[in-house]
C-alpha atoms as a PDB file:
ATOM      1  CA  MET A   1      48.320 -45.310 -27.850  1.00  0.00           C
ATOM      2  CA  ARG A   2      45.210 -44.773 -25.884  1.00  0.00           C
ATOM      3  CA  GLU A   3      44.541 -45.431 -22.098  1.00  0.00           C
ATOM      4  CA  ILE A   4      43.888 -48.874 -21.293  1.00  0.00           C
ATOM      5  CA  VAL A   5      41.855 -49.737 -18.006  1.00  0.00           C
ATOM      6  CA  LYS A   6      43.154 -53.050 -16.623  1.00  0.00           C
ATOM      7  CA  SER A   7      40.533 -55.700 -15.494  1.00  0.00           C
ATOM      8  CA  ARG A   8      41.551 -58.239 -12.720  1.00  0.00           C
ATOM      9  CA  GLU A   9      44.044 -60.646 -13.900  1.00  0.00           C
ATOM     10  CA  PRO A  10      42.754 -63.803 -15.225  1.00  0.00           C
ATOM     11  CA  ARG A  11      41.770 -66.406 -12.519  1.00  0.00           C
ATOM     12  CA  GLU A  12      44.031 -69.255 -14.423  1.00  0.00           C
ATOM     13  CA  LEU A  13      46.977 -66.636 -13.896  1.00  0.00           C
ATOM     14  CA  GLU A  14      46.408 -66.490 -10.205  1.00  0.00           C
ATOM     15  CA  GLU A  15      46.222 -69.894  -9.631  1.00  0.00           C
ATOM     16  CA  TYR A  16      49.310 -70.513 -11.481  1.00  0.00           C
ATOM     17  CA  ARG A  17      51.493 -68.239  -9.829  1.00  0.00           C
ATOM     18  CA  ARG A  18      50.770 -70.001  -6.495  1.00  0.00           C
ATOM     19  CA  LYS A  19      52.865 -72.936  -8.011  1.00  0.00           C
ATOM     20  CA  PRO A  20      56.132 -73.657  -6.585  1.00  0.00           C
ATOM     21  CA  ASP A  21      58.846 -72.268  -9.354  1.00  0.00           C
ATOM     22  CA  ALA A  22      55.748 -70.978 -11.615  1.00  0.00           C
ATOM     23  CA  PHE A  23      57.433 -69.040 -14.709  1.00  0.00           C
ATOM     24  CA  TYR A  24      56.222 -67.462 -17.699  1.00  0.00           C
ATOM     25  CA  ASP A  25      56.930 -70.532 -20.128  1.00  0.00           C
ATOM     26  CA  GLY A  26      56.526 -74.106 -20.539  1.00  0.00           C
ATOM     27  CA  SER A  27      53.380 -76.602 -21.663  1.00  0.00           C
ATOM     28  CA  GLN A  28      51.689 -75.949 -18.279  1.00  0.00           C
ATOM     29  CA  PHE A  29      51.582 -72.513 -18.629  1.00  0.00           C
ATOM     30  CA  THR A  30      49.954 -72.545 -22.132  1.00  0.00           C
ATOM     31  CA  PRO A  31      46.460 -72.565 -21.399  1.00  0.00           C
ATOM     32  CA  VAL A  32      47.269 -69.950 -18.942  1.00  0.00           C
ATOM     33  CA  LYS A  33      48.673 -67.764 -21.566  1.00  0.00           C
ATOM     34  CA  ASN A  34      45.636 -68.466 -23.736  1.00  0.00           C
ATOM     35  CA  ALA A  35      43.315 -67.028 -21.404  1.00  0.00           C
ATOM     36  CA  ILE A  36      45.981 -63.939 -20.544  1.00  0.00           C
ATOM     37  CA  ARG A  37      45.655 -63.470 -24.124  1.00  0.00           C
ATOM     38  CA  GLU A  38      41.908 -63.388 -24.550  1.00  0.00           C
ATOM     39  CA  GLN A  39      41.637 -61.141 -21.520  1.00  0.00           C
ATOM     40  CA  LEU A  40      44.122 -58.502 -23.047  1.00  0.00           C
ATOM     41  CA  LEU A  41      42.031 -58.446 -26.119  1.00  0.00           C
ATOM     42  CA  LEU A  42      38.718 -57.680 -24.566  1.00  0.00           C
ATOM     43  CA  GLU A  43      40.057 -54.793 -22.559  1.00  0.00           C
ATOM     44  CA  GLN A  44      42.131 -53.296 -25.025  1.00  0.00           C
ATOM     45  CA  GLY A  45      38.962 -53.784 -27.680  1.00  0.00           C
ATOM     46  CA  TYR A  46      41.353 -55.947 -29.814  1.00  0.00           C
ATOM     47  CA  LEU A  47      43.929 -53.091 -30.483  1.00  0.00           C
ATOM     48  CA  CYS A  48      47.601 -53.154 -30.111  1.00  0.00           C
ATOM     49  CA  ALA A  49      48.652 -51.269 -27.040  1.00  0.00           C
ATOM     50  CA  TYR A  50      51.161 -49.325 -29.013  1.00  0.00           C
ATOM     51  CA  CYS A  51      50.075 -48.693 -32.616  1.00  0.00           C
ATOM     52  CA  MET A  52      46.185 -49.233 -32.388  1.00  0.00           C
ATOM     53  CA  ARG A  53      46.127 -51.656 -35.187  1.00  0.00           C
ATOM     54  CA  ARG A  54      43.879 -54.548 -35.288  1.00  0.00           C
ATOM     55  CA  ILE A  55      45.083 -57.694 -33.377  1.00  0.00           C
ATOM     56  CA  LYS A  56      43.556 -60.922 -32.791  1.00  0.00           C
ATOM     57  CA  SER A  57      43.870 -64.071 -31.140  1.00  0.00           C
ATOM     58  CA  ASP A  58      44.331 -66.173 -34.276  1.00  0.00           C
ATOM     59  CA  PHE A  59      48.220 -67.557 -34.319  1.00  0.00           C
ATOM     60  CA  GLY A  60      50.447 -64.965 -35.752  1.00  0.00           C
ATOM     61  CA  GLN A  61      47.929 -61.834 -35.146  1.00  0.00           C
ATOM     62  CA  MET A  62      49.146 -60.600 -31.529  1.00  0.00           C
ATOM     63  CA  LYS A  63      51.494 -61.445 -28.696  1.00  0.00           C
ATOM     64  CA  VAL A  64      51.674 -60.957 -25.206  1.00  0.00           C
ATOM     65  CA  GLU A  65      54.228 -57.997 -24.409  1.00  0.00           C
ATOM     66  CA  HIS A  66      55.868 -57.389 -20.973  1.00  0.00           C
ATOM     67  CA  TRP A  67      56.245 -53.396 -20.481  1.00  0.00           C
ATOM     68  CA  HIS A  68      58.801 -54.448 -18.126  1.00  0.00           C
ATOM     69  CA  CYS A  69      60.920 -56.896 -20.038  1.00  0.00           C
ATOM     70  CA  GLN A  70      61.172 -60.311 -18.698  1.00  0.00           C
ATOM     71  CA  ASP A  71      64.844 -60.524 -18.918  1.00  0.00           C
ATOM     72  CA  ASN A  72      65.553 -57.562 -16.906  1.00  0.00           C
ATOM     73  CA  TYR A  73      62.349 -57.441 -14.295  1.00  0.00           C
ATOM     74  CA  LYS A  74      62.045 -61.204 -13.641  1.00  0.00           C
ATOM     75  CA  SER A  75      59.808 -60.550 -10.955  1.00  0.00           C
ATOM     76  CA  GLU A  76      57.266 -59.130 -12.907  1.00  0.00           C
ATOM     77  CA  GLN A  77      57.053 -61.916 -15.589  1.00  0.00           C
ATOM     78  CA  LEU A  78      53.755 -63.147 -13.925  1.00  0.00           C
ATOM     79  CA  ASP A  79      52.444 -59.455 -13.002  1.00  0.00           C
ATOM     80  CA  TYR A  80      49.218 -59.015 -15.082  1.00  0.00           C
ATOM     81  CA  LYS A  81      49.796 -55.123 -14.766  1.00  0.00           C
ATOM     82  CA  ASN A  82      52.935 -55.417 -16.665  1.00  0.00           C
ATOM     83  CA  MET A  83      51.317 -57.403 -19.738  1.00  0.00           C
ATOM     84  CA  LEU A  84      50.128 -55.783 -22.914  1.00  0.00           C
ATOM     85  CA  GLY A  85      48.560 -57.224 -26.000  1.00  0.00           C
ATOM     86  CA  VAL A  86      50.473 -56.109 -29.066  1.00  0.00           C
ATOM     87  CA  CYS A  87      50.901 -56.671 -32.783  1.00  0.00           C
ATOM     88  CA  ILE A  88      53.496 -58.761 -34.525  1.00  0.00           C
ATOM     89  CA  GLY A  89      54.997 -55.595 -35.213  1.00  0.00           C
ATOM     90  CA  ASN A  90      56.684 -56.894 -38.650  1.00  0.00           C
ATOM     91  CA  GLU A  91      58.804 -59.153 -36.621  1.00  0.00           C
ATOM     92  CA  GLY A  92      61.333 -60.922 -39.299  1.00  0.00           C
ATOM     93  CA  SER A  93      61.689 -57.958 -41.243  1.00  0.00           C
ATOM     94  CA  ALA A  94      64.813 -55.277 -41.338  1.00  0.00           C
ATOM     95  CA  LEU A  95      64.840 -53.129 -38.096  1.00  0.00           C
ATOM     96  CA  GLU A  96      63.671 -50.330 -40.193  1.00  0.00           C
ATOM     97  CA  ASN A  97      60.144 -51.821 -40.599  1.00  0.00           C
ATOM     98  CA  GLN A  98      59.555 -53.191 -37.229  1.00  0.00           C
ATOM     99  CA  THR A  99      57.527 -51.439 -34.771  1.00  0.00           C
ATOM    100  CA  CYS A 100      55.956 -52.065 -31.016  1.00  0.00           C
ATOM    101  CA  ASP A 101      57.095 -54.698 -28.948  1.00  0.00           C
ATOM    102  CA  THR A 102      59.204 -56.367 -31.821  1.00  0.00           C
ATOM    103  CA  ARG A 103      61.317 -53.110 -32.183  1.00  0.00           C
ATOM    104  CA  LYS A 104      61.314 -52.312 -28.684  1.00  0.00           C
ATOM    105  CA  GLY A 105      62.869 -55.583 -27.414  1.00  0.00           C
ATOM    106  CA  ASN A 106      64.425 -55.075 -23.873  1.00  0.00           C
ATOM    107  CA  ASP A 107      64.364 -51.483 -23.974  1.00  0.00           C
ATOM    108  CA  ASP A 108      62.494 -49.378 -21.245  1.00  0.00           C
ATOM    109  CA  LEU A 109      59.647 -46.831 -22.034  1.00  0.00           C
ATOM    110  CA  LYS A 110      58.934 -43.899 -19.880  1.00  0.00           C
ATOM    111  CA  TYR A 111      55.042 -44.359 -19.925  1.00  0.00           C
ATOM    112  CA  ASN A 112      52.701 -47.321 -19.830  1.00  0.00           C
ATOM    113  CA  PRO A 113      49.502 -47.034 -21.482  1.00  0.00           C
ATOM    114  CA  ALA A 114      47.964 -49.246 -18.740  1.00  0.00           C
ATOM    115  CA  ASN A 115      49.048 -47.350 -15.834  1.00  0.00           C
ATOM    116  CA  ALA A 116      46.460 -44.689 -15.421  1.00  0.00           C
ATOM    117  CA  SER A 117      48.975 -42.434 -12.925  1.00  0.00           C
ATOM    118  CA  HIS A 118      51.072 -41.891 -16.634  1.00  0.00           C
ATOM    119  CA  ARG A 119      48.124 -40.248 -17.969  1.00  0.00           C
ATOM    120  CA  ILE A 120      49.481 -41.513 -21.566  1.00  0.00           C
ATOM    121  CA  GLU A 121      46.728 -39.704 -23.749  1.00  0.00           C
ATOM    122  CA  SER A 122      47.939 -36.223 -21.972  1.00  0.00           C
ATOM    123  CA  GLN A 123      51.428 -37.250 -23.152  1.00  0.00           C
ATOM    124  CA  ILE A 124      50.902 -37.432 -26.870  1.00  0.00           C
ATOM    125  CA  TYR A 125      49.217 -35.707 -29.872  1.00  0.00           C
ATOM    126  CA  PHE A 126      48.914 -36.165 -33.720  1.00  0.00           C
ATOM    127  CA  LEU A 127      49.556 -34.092 -36.236  1.00  0.00           C
ATOM    128  CA  SER A 128      46.832 -33.759 -39.046  1.00  0.00           C
ATOM    129  CA  ASP A 129      49.161 -33.030 -42.317  1.00  0.00           C
ATOM    130  CA  SER A 130      51.347 -36.042 -41.628  1.00  0.00           C
ATOM    131  CA  GLY A 131      49.796 -38.366 -39.256  1.00  0.00           C
ATOM    132  CA  ILE A 132      52.867 -38.105 -36.940  1.00  0.00           C
ATOM    133  CA  ILE A 133      52.707 -39.090 -33.378  1.00  0.00           C
ATOM    134  CA  GLU A 134      54.698 -36.582 -31.199  1.00  0.00           C
ATOM    135  CA  SER A 135      55.118 -35.978 -27.517  1.00  0.00           C
ATOM    136  CA  ASP A 136      56.526 -32.864 -25.707  1.00  0.00           C
ATOM    137  CA  ASP A 137      58.344 -35.077 -23.158  1.00  0.00           C
ATOM    138  CA  ASP A 138      61.699 -35.147 -25.066  1.00  0.00           C
ATOM    139  CA  GLU A 139      62.648 -38.608 -23.793  1.00  0.00           C
ATOM    140  CA  PHE A 140      59.358 -40.224 -24.787  1.00  0.00           C
ATOM    141  CA  ASN A 141      59.226 -38.694 -27.969  1.00  0.00           C
ATOM    142  CA  ALA A 142      62.455 -40.175 -28.835  1.00  0.00           C
ATOM    143  CA  GLN A 143      61.132 -43.421 -27.756  1.00  0.00           C
ATOM    144  CA  LEU A 144      57.916 -43.144 -29.705  1.00  0.00           C
ATOM    145  CA  ASN A 145      60.198 -42.991 -32.747  1.00  0.00           C
ATOM    146  CA  ASN A 146      63.297 -45.037 -31.939  1.00  0.00           C
ATOM    147  CA  VAL A 147      61.947 -47.718 -29.582  1.00  0.00           C
ATOM    148  CA  LEU A 148      58.514 -48.016 -30.765  1.00  0.00           C
ATOM    149  CA  HIS A 149      58.994 -46.832 -34.280  1.00  0.00           C
ATOM    150  CA  LEU A 150      55.414 -45.704 -34.219  1.00  0.00           C
ATOM    151  CA  ASN A 151      56.294 -43.042 -37.134  1.00  0.00           C
ATOM    152  CA  HIS A 152      56.602 -45.678 -39.371  1.00  0.00           C
ATOM    153  CA  THR A 153      55.233 -44.645 -42.724  1.00  0.00           C
ATOM    154  CA  ARG A 154      52.183 -47.341 -42.817  1.00  0.00           C
ATOM    155  CA  LEU A 155      51.360 -46.124 -39.494  1.00  0.00           C
ATOM    156  CA  LYS A 156      51.375 -42.441 -40.111  1.00  0.00           C
ATOM    157  CA  ASN A 157      49.524 -42.983 -43.314  1.00  0.00           C
ATOM    158  CA  ASN A 158      46.932 -45.180 -41.677  1.00  0.00           C
ATOM    159  CA  ARG A 159      46.428 -42.194 -38.751  1.00  0.00           C
ATOM    160  CA  LYS A 160      46.196 -39.967 -41.308  1.00  0.00           C
ATOM    161  CA  GLY A 161      43.329 -41.512 -42.757  1.00  0.00           C
ATOM    162  CA  VAL A 162      41.529 -41.738 -39.700  1.00  0.00           C
ATOM    163  CA  TRP A 163      41.994 -37.887 -39.123  1.00  0.00           C
ATOM    164  CA  ASP A 164      40.827 -37.034 -42.650  1.00  0.00           C
ATOM    165  CA  GLU A 165      37.807 -39.524 -42.418  1.00  0.00           C
ATOM    166  CA  VAL A 166      36.568 -38.050 -39.088  1.00  0.00           C
ATOM    167  CA  HIS A 167      37.040 -34.529 -40.560  1.00  0.00           C
ATOM    168  CA  GLN A 168      34.719 -35.291 -43.493  1.00  0.00           C
ATOM    169  CA  GLU A 169      32.286 -36.883 -41.561  1.00  0.00           C
ATOM    170  CA  LEU A 170      32.295 -33.647 -39.122  1.00  0.00           C
ATOM    171  CA  SER A 171      32.103 -31.506 -42.103  1.00  0.00           C
ATOM    172  CA  LYS A 172      29.084 -33.527 -43.160  1.00  0.00           C
ATOM    173  CA  ARG A 173      26.979 -33.642 -40.163  1.00  0.00           C
ATOM    174  CA  PHE A 174      27.714 -29.745 -39.689  1.00  0.00           C
ATOM    175  CA  SER A 175      26.540 -28.906 -43.551  1.00  0.00           C
ATOM    176  CA  LYS A 176      23.029 -30.678 -42.868  1.00  0.00           C
ATOM    177  CA  LYS A 177      21.743 -27.057 -41.737  1.00  0.00           C
ATOM    178  CA  PRO A 178      24.670 -24.855 -42.936  1.00  0.00           C
ATOM    179  CA  GLY A 179      24.706 -21.535 -41.442  1.00  0.00           C
ATOM    180  CA  THR A 180      21.847 -22.270 -38.456  1.00  0.00           C
ATOM    181  CA  ARG A 181      23.930 -24.541 -36.362  1.00  0.00           C
ATOM    182  CA  THR A 182      24.541 -23.239 -32.730  1.00  0.00           C
ATOM    183  CA  SER A 183      27.996 -23.972 -31.057  1.00  0.00           C
ATOM    184  CA  VAL A 184      25.946 -25.690 -28.716  1.00  0.00           C
ATOM    185  CA  GLU A 185      24.354 -27.981 -31.599  1.00  0.00           C
ATOM    186  CA  LYS A 186      27.633 -28.562 -33.098  1.00  0.00           C
ATOM    187  CA  ALA A 187      29.110 -29.460 -29.670  1.00  0.00           C
ATOM    188  CA  THR A 188      26.313 -32.037 -29.339  1.00  0.00           C
ATOM    189  CA  GLU A 189      27.550 -33.562 -32.743  1.00  0.00           C
ATOM    190  CA  ILE A 190      30.942 -33.674 -31.795  1.00  0.00           C
ATOM    191  CA  GLU A 191      30.003 -35.524 -28.461  1.00  0.00           C
ATOM    192  CA  LYS A 192      27.960 -38.038 -30.399  1.00  0.00           C
ATOM    193  CA  LEU A 193      31.312 -39.021 -32.721  1.00  0.00           C
ATOM    194  CA  LEU A 194      33.163 -39.193 -29.701  1.00  0.00           C
ATOM    195  CA  GLY A 195      30.901 -41.675 -28.197  1.00  0.00           C
ATOM    196  CA  GLU A 196      30.977 -43.706 -31.333  1.00  0.00           C
ATOM    197  CA  TRP A 197      34.914 -43.833 -31.514  1.00  0.00           C
ATOM    198  CA  ASN A 198      35.055 -44.534 -27.771  1.00  0.00           C
ATOM    199  CA  SER A 199      32.805 -47.296 -27.890  1.00  0.00           C
ATOM    200  CA  LYS A 200      33.115 -51.180 -28.570  1.00  0.00           C
ATOM    201  CA  ASP A 201      31.002 -52.854 -31.413  1.00  0.00           C
ATOM    202  CA  GLY A 202      29.131 -55.946 -30.617  1.00  0.00           C
ATOM    203  CA  GLN A 203      32.351 -58.209 -30.717  1.00  0.00           C
ATOM    204  CA  GLY A 204      33.902 -56.109 -28.432  1.00  0.00           C
ATOM    205  CA  PHE A 205      35.952 -54.325 -31.123  1.00  0.00           C
ATOM    206  CA  LEU A 206      37.077 -50.569 -30.731  1.00  0.00           C
ATOM    207  CA  ARG A 207      37.831 -48.806 -34.009  1.00  0.00           C
ATOM    208  CA  GLU A 208      41.537 -48.998 -35.263  1.00  0.00           C
ATOM    209  CA  TYR A 209      43.454 -46.134 -34.213  1.00  0.00           C
ATOM    210  CA  CYS A 210      40.569 -44.648 -32.182  1.00  0.00           C
ATOM    211  CA  ALA A 211      43.040 -42.404 -30.036  1.00  0.00           C
ATOM    212  CA  VAL A 212      43.136 -40.282 -33.249  1.00  0.00           C
ATOM    213  CA  ALA A 213      39.857 -39.496 -33.889  1.00  0.00           C
ATOM    214  CA  ILE A 214      39.181 -38.817 -30.117  1.00  0.00           C
ATOM    215  CA  TYR A 215      42.121 -36.523 -30.118  1.00  0.00           C
ATOM    216  CA  TYR A 216      40.945 -34.664 -33.318  1.00  0.00           C
ATOM    217  CA  LEU A 217      37.295 -34.494 -31.689  1.00  0.00           C
ATOM    218  CA  LYS A 218      38.221 -33.218 -28.362  1.00  0.00           C
ATOM    219  CA  LYS A 219      40.583 -30.406 -29.890  1.00  0.00           C
ATOM    220  CA  VAL A 220      37.589 -29.151 -32.265  1.00  0.00           C
ATOM    221  CA  LYS A 221      35.404 -29.432 -29.377  1.00  0.00           C
ATOM    222  CA  LYS A 222      37.142 -26.880 -27.069  1.00  0.00           C
ATOM    223  CA  LYS A 223      36.472 -24.173 -29.912  1.00  0.00           C
ATOM    224  CA  PHE A 224      32.492 -24.552 -29.206  1.00  0.00           C
ATOM    225  CA  ASP A 225      32.733 -25.077 -25.550  1.00  0.00           C
ATOM    226  CA  LYS A 226      34.340 -21.462 -24.887  1.00  0.00           C
END
């Protein structure tokens, strides 16, 4: 997970909500939902709000998630701040293989990655040797595992792959002038890499699992900032 900066709601949603008895469904809502999907993709860099795998607008590639579910929080069903773009989460497979919103269903989560006051990036960390995502908050840590199932084997392996990739790239950059680089120069290289992992490409895509790379690079940089 990474912090998501919400944009202003799509004009189509704002106008639709003014209609009498407007609700999140039906043929009249379809073009509105398409606008919502496109804006969620843009503001999230085409990454799932929970697992950070790639999502696209193609059918079967993403869905709109209500952080507070529609069944239990009906007043928030058309609240754009409550909406996230998420992956399909192995929908249709056995429960032990489901992740993200598909696994979550109507369960609540303690923190919302799109709520700045929740400071999601300070609530989680990643383990280098396994790719596991954890939290020091026991309640949220249980939700990461049991509600979102973000430590599914595939996701752990993908995150570890990113950690290893960044470690190798950093080692390569540091080895260009072995034994001569100062702490300031090393910190500068880390800042460059941080910029690359924090930036969207020409299509508006962030790199998959970018929060892992950013967490690792910030952790390393602290050693040279002392």
